[in-house]
């Protein structure tokens, strides 16, 4: 997987965290730098851990499904992409009474926004891709986008969330199609 593909994948995976960060920025009264750093750290760390866990799971499954792995990778990325496009049309803001700085809320939001990264990690294992570089890139991009998202939310400008979610979904579907075609042509 090329560096550009990993970066595009990381950007696409970070869109959920970005959207939730915007909503969190809207919900936080008297936003401070530490709020952005805390939220971005939670999302970035979880977004980095989940593909690692997915990769470890995929390694265990790889020998059982090696004949159809490219179809599974395509299916996972296609499903995640379609899910992101679907969810783009139902983005909701965090309610004002929900405190996005509460540890239980941060934990829940971090898990919820990184499930897709777990599936991507399985894809890395099935494609026999090393996991260290993607994990670092995914974590850093998610951190940066989440940090920015909190500040965008504080400014009340979240008019482009849906378009970014749709674009991210299309990128994941495109990567899935690319993987499938490259395996079908090579095999």
C-alpha atoms as a PDB file:
ATOM      1  CA  UNK A   1       0.000   0.000   0.000  1.00  0.00           C
ATOM      2  CA  UNK A   2       1.485   3.316  -1.061  1.00  0.00           C
ATOM      3  CA  UNK A   3       2.026   6.250   1.285  1.00  0.00           C
ATOM      4  CA  UNK A   4      -0.671   8.212  -0.542  1.00  0.00           C
ATOM      5  CA  UNK A   5      -3.168   5.365  -0.104  1.00  0.00           C
ATOM      6  CA  UNK A   6      -2.371   5.146   3.616  1.00  0.00           C
ATOM      7  CA  UNK A   7      -2.823   8.916   3.990  1.00  0.00           C
ATOM      8  CA  UNK A   8      -6.138   8.838   2.099  1.00  0.00           C
ATOM      9  CA  UNK A   9      -7.281   5.906   4.225  1.00  0.00           C
ATOM     10  CA  UNK A  10      -6.251   7.760   7.396  1.00  0.00           C
ATOM     11  CA  UNK A  11      -8.126  10.881   6.284  1.00  0.00           C
ATOM     12  CA  UNK A  12     -11.226   8.836   5.521  1.00  0.00           C
ATOM     13  CA  UNK A  13     -11.079   6.972   8.842  1.00  0.00           C
ATOM     14  CA  UNK A  14     -10.603  10.242  10.738  1.00  0.00           C
ATOM     15  CA  UNK A  15     -13.843  11.748   9.401  1.00  0.00           C
ATOM     16  CA  UNK A  16     -16.025  10.223  12.143  1.00  0.00           C
ATOM     17  CA  UNK A  17     -13.715  11.604  14.831  1.00  0.00           C
ATOM     18  CA  UNK A  18     -13.626  14.936  13.012  1.00  0.00           C
ATOM     19  CA  UNK A  19     -17.430  15.172  12.943  1.00  0.00           C
ATOM     20  CA  UNK A  20     -17.706  14.222  16.630  1.00  0.00           C
ATOM     21  CA  UNK A  21     -14.964  16.736  17.464  1.00  0.00           C
ATOM     22  CA  UNK A  22     -16.945  19.469  15.782  1.00  0.00           C
ATOM     23  CA  UNK A  23     -20.000  18.480  17.799  1.00  0.00           C
ATOM     24  CA  UNK A  24     -17.873  18.428  20.958  1.00  0.00           C
ATOM     25  CA  UNK A  25     -16.553  21.909  20.208  1.00  0.00           C
ATOM     26  CA  UNK A  26     -20.135  23.103  19.914  1.00  0.00           C
ATOM     27  CA  UNK A  27     -21.010  21.530  23.301  1.00  0.00           C
ATOM     28  CA  UNK A  28     -18.045  22.860  25.304  1.00  0.00           C
ATOM     29  CA  UNK A  29     -18.616  26.205  26.931  1.00  0.00           C
ATOM     30  CA  UNK A  30     -15.517  28.370  27.384  1.00  0.00           C
ATOM     31  CA  UNK A  31     -13.294  26.241  25.124  1.00  0.00           C
ATOM     32  CA  UNK A  32      -9.612  26.106  26.062  1.00  0.00           C
ATOM     33  CA  UNK A  33      -6.563  24.628  24.335  1.00  0.00           C
ATOM     34  CA  UNK A  34      -6.502  21.753  26.835  1.00  0.00           C
ATOM     35  CA  UNK A  35     -10.011  20.696  25.747  1.00  0.00           C
ATOM     36  CA  UNK A  36      -8.886  20.335  22.135  1.00  0.00           C
ATOM     37  CA  UNK A  37      -5.724  18.498  23.153  1.00  0.00           C
ATOM     38  CA  UNK A  38      -7.616  16.050  25.382  1.00  0.00           C
ATOM     39  CA  UNK A  39     -10.280  15.228  22.794  1.00  0.00           C
ATOM     40  CA  UNK A  40      -7.732  14.959  19.966  1.00  0.00           C
ATOM     41  CA  UNK A  41      -5.507  12.710  22.103  1.00  0.00           C
ATOM     42  CA  UNK A  42      -8.337  10.329  22.977  1.00  0.00           C
ATOM     43  CA  UNK A  43      -9.491  10.055  19.369  1.00  0.00           C
ATOM     44  CA  UNK A  44      -5.950   9.823  17.951  1.00  0.00           C
ATOM     45  CA  UNK A  45      -4.844   7.133  20.410  1.00  0.00           C
ATOM     46  CA  UNK A  46      -7.947   4.991  19.919  1.00  0.00           C
ATOM     47  CA  UNK A  47      -7.790   5.437  16.152  1.00  0.00           C
ATOM     48  CA  UNK A  48      -4.188   4.153  16.298  1.00  0.00           C
ATOM     49  CA  UNK A  49      -4.894   1.246  18.662  1.00  0.00           C
ATOM     50  CA  UNK A  50      -7.898  -0.134  16.787  1.00  0.00           C
ATOM     51  CA  UNK A  51      -6.147  -0.925  13.475  1.00  0.00           C
ATOM     52  CA  UNK A  52      -3.411  -2.607  15.485  1.00  0.00           C
ATOM     53  CA  UNK A  53      -6.006  -4.787  17.218  1.00  0.00           C
ATOM     54  CA  UNK A  54      -7.683  -5.451  13.865  1.00  0.00           C
ATOM     55  CA  UNK A  55      -4.334  -6.379  12.317  1.00  0.00           C
ATOM     56  CA  UNK A  56      -3.620  -8.827  15.150  1.00  0.00           C
ATOM     57  CA  UNK A  57      -7.056 -10.395  14.646  1.00  0.00           C
ATOM     58  CA  UNK A  58      -6.539 -10.535  10.891  1.00  0.00           C
ATOM     59  CA  UNK A  59      -3.175 -12.278  11.294  1.00  0.00           C
ATOM     60  CA  UNK A  60      -4.932 -15.053  13.207  1.00  0.00           C
ATOM     61  CA  UNK A  61      -7.592 -15.403  10.485  1.00  0.00           C
ATOM     62  CA  UNK A  62      -5.293 -15.034   7.488  1.00  0.00           C
ATOM     63  CA  UNK A  63      -4.417 -18.693   6.961  1.00  0.00           C
ATOM     64  CA  UNK A  64      -8.091 -19.684   7.028  1.00  0.00           C
ATOM     65  CA  UNK A  65      -9.271 -17.147   4.479  1.00  0.00           C
ATOM     66  CA  UNK A  66      -6.253 -16.535   2.229  1.00  0.00           C
ATOM     67  CA  UNK A  67      -8.159 -17.603  -0.909  1.00  0.00           C
ATOM     68  CA  UNK A  68     -10.836 -14.929  -0.491  1.00  0.00           C
ATOM     69  CA  UNK A  69      -8.934 -12.261   1.456  1.00  0.00           C
ATOM     70  CA  UNK A  70      -9.154  -9.669  -1.337  1.00  0.00           C
ATOM     71  CA  UNK A  71     -12.938 -10.057  -1.416  1.00  0.00           C
ATOM     72  CA  UNK A  72     -13.085  -9.607   2.361  1.00  0.00           C
ATOM     73  CA  UNK A  73     -10.908  -6.475   2.186  1.00  0.00           C
ATOM     74  CA  UNK A  74     -13.114  -5.114  -0.596  1.00  0.00           C
ATOM     75  CA  UNK A  75     -16.248  -5.978   1.384  1.00  0.00           C
ATOM     76  CA  UNK A  76     -14.972  -4.359   4.581  1.00  0.00           C
ATOM     77  CA  UNK A  77     -13.866  -1.138   2.896  1.00  0.00           C
ATOM     78  CA  UNK A  78     -17.002  -1.004   0.742  1.00  0.00           C
ATOM     79  CA  UNK A  79     -19.208  -1.519   3.797  1.00  0.00           C
ATOM     80  CA  UNK A  80     -17.338   1.098   5.856  1.00  0.00           C
ATOM     81  CA  UNK A  81     -17.497   3.560   2.946  1.00  0.00           C
ATOM     82  CA  UNK A  82     -21.238   3.029   2.434  1.00  0.00           C
ATOM     83  CA  UNK A  83     -21.814   3.323   6.190  1.00  0.00           C
ATOM     84  CA  UNK A  84     -19.960   6.646   6.253  1.00  0.00           C
ATOM     85  CA  UNK A  85     -21.999   7.976   3.335  1.00  0.00           C
ATOM     86  CA  UNK A  86     -25.211   6.847   5.030  1.00  0.00           C
ATOM     87  CA  UNK A  87     -24.186   8.407   8.343  1.00  0.00           C
ATOM     88  CA  UNK A  88     -23.317  11.673   6.605  1.00  0.00           C
ATOM     89  CA  UNK A  89     -27.006  12.233   6.155  1.00  0.00           C
ATOM     90  CA  UNK A  90     -27.772  11.757   9.824  1.00  0.00           C
ATOM     91  CA  UNK A  91     -24.947  13.627  11.594  1.00  0.00           C
ATOM     92  CA  UNK A  92     -26.210  14.870  14.927  1.00  0.00           C
ATOM     93  CA  UNK A  93     -24.554  17.223  17.349  1.00  0.00           C
ATOM     94  CA  UNK A  94     -23.670  16.265  20.886  1.00  0.00           C
ATOM     95  CA  UNK A  95     -26.434  17.515  23.149  1.00  0.00           C
ATOM     96  CA  UNK A  96     -25.525  20.521  25.265  1.00  0.00           C
ATOM     97  CA  UNK A  97     -26.186  18.575  28.473  1.00  0.00           C
ATOM     98  CA  UNK A  98     -23.654  15.903  27.451  1.00  0.00           C
ATOM     99  CA  UNK A  99     -20.165  16.813  28.647  1.00  0.00           C
ATOM    100  CA  UNK A 100     -17.680  15.724  25.953  1.00  0.00           C
ATOM    101  CA  UNK A 101     -14.877  16.144  28.516  1.00  0.00           C
ATOM    102  CA  UNK A 102     -16.315  13.438  30.797  1.00  0.00           C
ATOM    103  CA  UNK A 103     -14.028  10.374  30.737  1.00  0.00           C
ATOM    104  CA  UNK A 104     -16.918   7.939  30.163  1.00  0.00           C
ATOM    105  CA  UNK A 105     -18.218  10.064  27.277  1.00  0.00           C
ATOM    106  CA  UNK A 106     -14.719  10.410  25.774  1.00  0.00           C
ATOM    107  CA  UNK A 107     -14.177   6.658  26.059  1.00  0.00           C
ATOM    108  CA  UNK A 108     -17.513   5.882  24.388  1.00  0.00           C
ATOM    109  CA  UNK A 109     -16.977   8.399  21.616  1.00  0.00           C
ATOM    110  CA  UNK A 110     -13.417   7.171  21.050  1.00  0.00           C
ATOM    111  CA  UNK A 111     -14.578   3.568  20.670  1.00  0.00           C
ATOM    112  CA  UNK A 112     -17.510   4.552  18.451  1.00  0.00           C
ATOM    113  CA  UNK A 113     -15.360   6.631  16.096  1.00  0.00           C
ATOM    114  CA  UNK A 114     -12.604   4.012  15.793  1.00  0.00           C
ATOM    115  CA  UNK A 115     -14.552   0.819  15.027  1.00  0.00           C
ATOM    116  CA  UNK A 116     -13.961   1.412  11.315  1.00  0.00           C
ATOM    117  CA  UNK A 117     -10.215   1.541  11.987  1.00  0.00           C
ATOM    118  CA  UNK A 118     -10.449  -1.956  13.505  1.00  0.00           C
ATOM    119  CA  UNK A 119     -11.888  -3.256  10.229  1.00  0.00           C
ATOM    120  CA  UNK A 120      -9.161  -1.437   8.295  1.00  0.00           C
ATOM    121  CA  UNK A 121      -6.580  -3.173  10.505  1.00  0.00           C
ATOM    122  CA  UNK A 122      -8.017  -6.554   9.512  1.00  0.00           C
ATOM    123  CA  UNK A 123      -7.571  -5.457   5.899  1.00  0.00           C
ATOM    124  CA  UNK A 124      -3.897  -4.645   6.561  1.00  0.00           C
ATOM    125  CA  UNK A 125      -3.315  -8.172   7.833  1.00  0.00           C
ATOM    126  CA  UNK A 126      -5.140  -9.781   4.914  1.00  0.00           C
ATOM    127  CA  UNK A 127      -3.129  -7.693   2.454  1.00  0.00           C
ATOM    128  CA  UNK A 128       0.078  -8.579   4.330  1.00  0.00           C
ATOM    129  CA  UNK A 129       0.832  -4.913   5.028  1.00  0.00           C
ATOM    130  CA  UNK A 130       3.040  -3.920   7.940  1.00  0.00           C
ATOM    131  CA  UNK A 131       1.013  -2.136  10.577  1.00  0.00           C
ATOM    132  CA  UNK A 132       3.448   0.293  12.239  1.00  0.00           C
ATOM    133  CA  UNK A 133       3.447   3.013   9.571  1.00  0.00           C
ATOM    134  CA  UNK A 134      -0.339   2.986   8.994  1.00  0.00           C
ATOM    135  CA  UNK A 135      -1.010   3.038  12.754  1.00  0.00           C
ATOM    136  CA  UNK A 136       1.216   6.075  13.252  1.00  0.00           C
ATOM    137  CA  UNK A 137      -0.228   7.927  10.252  1.00  0.00           C
ATOM    138  CA  UNK A 138      -3.833   7.109  11.186  1.00  0.00           C
ATOM    139  CA  UNK A 139      -3.267   8.204  14.799  1.00  0.00           C
ATOM    140  CA  UNK A 140      -1.531  11.466  13.845  1.00  0.00           C
ATOM    141  CA  UNK A 141      -4.024  12.462  11.177  1.00  0.00           C
ATOM    142  CA  UNK A 142      -6.922  11.709  13.509  1.00  0.00           C
ATOM    143  CA  UNK A 143      -5.282  13.761  16.268  1.00  0.00           C
ATOM    144  CA  UNK A 144      -4.776  16.747  13.958  1.00  0.00           C
ATOM    145  CA  UNK A 145      -8.247  16.574  12.437  1.00  0.00           C
ATOM    146  CA  UNK A 146      -9.899  16.160  15.838  1.00  0.00           C
ATOM    147  CA  UNK A 147      -7.965  19.098  17.241  1.00  0.00           C
ATOM    148  CA  UNK A 148      -9.067  21.256  14.331  1.00  0.00           C
ATOM    149  CA  UNK A 149     -12.624  19.894  14.558  1.00  0.00           C
ATOM    150  CA  UNK A 150     -13.072  21.036  18.153  1.00  0.00           C
ATOM    151  CA  UNK A 151     -12.102  24.579  17.179  1.00  0.00           C
ATOM    152  CA  UNK A 152     -14.363  24.534  14.126  1.00  0.00           C
ATOM    153  CA  UNK A 153     -17.228  23.426  16.357  1.00  0.00           C
ATOM    154  CA  UNK A 154     -16.509  26.207  18.801  1.00  0.00           C
ATOM    155  CA  UNK A 155     -16.829  28.672  15.943  1.00  0.00           C
ATOM    156  CA  UNK A 156     -20.160  27.079  14.981  1.00  0.00           C
ATOM    157  CA  UNK A 157     -19.116  26.338  11.408  1.00  0.00           C
ATOM    158  CA  UNK A 158     -19.967  22.725  10.681  1.00  0.00           C
ATOM    159  CA  UNK A 159     -21.723  23.230   7.366  1.00  0.00           C
ATOM    160  CA  UNK A 160     -19.339  20.954   5.444  1.00  0.00           C
ATOM    161  CA  UNK A 161     -19.466  17.880   7.720  1.00  0.00           C
ATOM    162  CA  UNK A 162     -21.774  15.925   5.404  1.00  0.00           C
ATOM    163  CA  UNK A 163     -19.701  16.580   2.292  1.00  0.00           C
ATOM    164  CA  UNK A 164     -16.504  15.457   4.042  1.00  0.00           C
ATOM    165  CA  UNK A 165     -18.165  12.274   5.356  1.00  0.00           C
ATOM    166  CA  UNK A 166     -19.425  11.449   1.849  1.00  0.00           C
ATOM    167  CA  UNK A 167     -15.983  12.104   0.345  1.00  0.00           C
ATOM    168  CA  UNK A 168     -14.375   9.899   2.995  1.00  0.00           C
ATOM    169  CA  UNK A 169     -16.830   7.093   2.249  1.00  0.00           C
ATOM    170  CA  UNK A 170     -16.101   7.353  -1.464  1.00  0.00           C
ATOM    171  CA  UNK A 171     -12.342   7.215  -0.782  1.00  0.00           C
ATOM    172  CA  UNK A 172     -12.759   3.987   1.219  1.00  0.00           C
ATOM    173  CA  UNK A 173     -14.930   2.441  -1.495  1.00  0.00           C
ATOM    174  CA  UNK A 174     -12.318   3.465  -4.079  1.00  0.00           C
ATOM    175  CA  UNK A 175      -9.488   1.881  -2.089  1.00  0.00           C
ATOM    176  CA  UNK A 176     -11.562  -1.305  -1.741  1.00  0.00           C
ATOM    177  CA  UNK A 177     -12.176  -1.428  -5.497  1.00  0.00           C
ATOM    178  CA  UNK A 178      -8.471  -0.801  -6.167  1.00  0.00           C
ATOM    179  CA  UNK A 179      -7.499  -3.699  -3.870  1.00  0.00           C
ATOM    180  CA  UNK A 180     -10.009  -6.037  -5.513  1.00  0.00           C
ATOM    181  CA  UNK A 181      -8.982  -5.143  -9.062  1.00  0.00           C
ATOM    182  CA  UNK A 182      -5.264  -5.440  -8.303  1.00  0.00           C
ATOM    183  CA  UNK A 183      -5.784  -8.934  -6.834  1.00  0.00           C
ATOM    184  CA  UNK A 184      -8.046 -10.092  -9.656  1.00  0.00           C
ATOM    185  CA  UNK A 185      -5.633  -8.826 -12.311  1.00  0.00           C
ATOM    186  CA  UNK A 186      -2.558 -10.292 -10.537  1.00  0.00           C
ATOM    187  CA  UNK A 187      -4.293 -13.577  -9.668  1.00  0.00           C
END
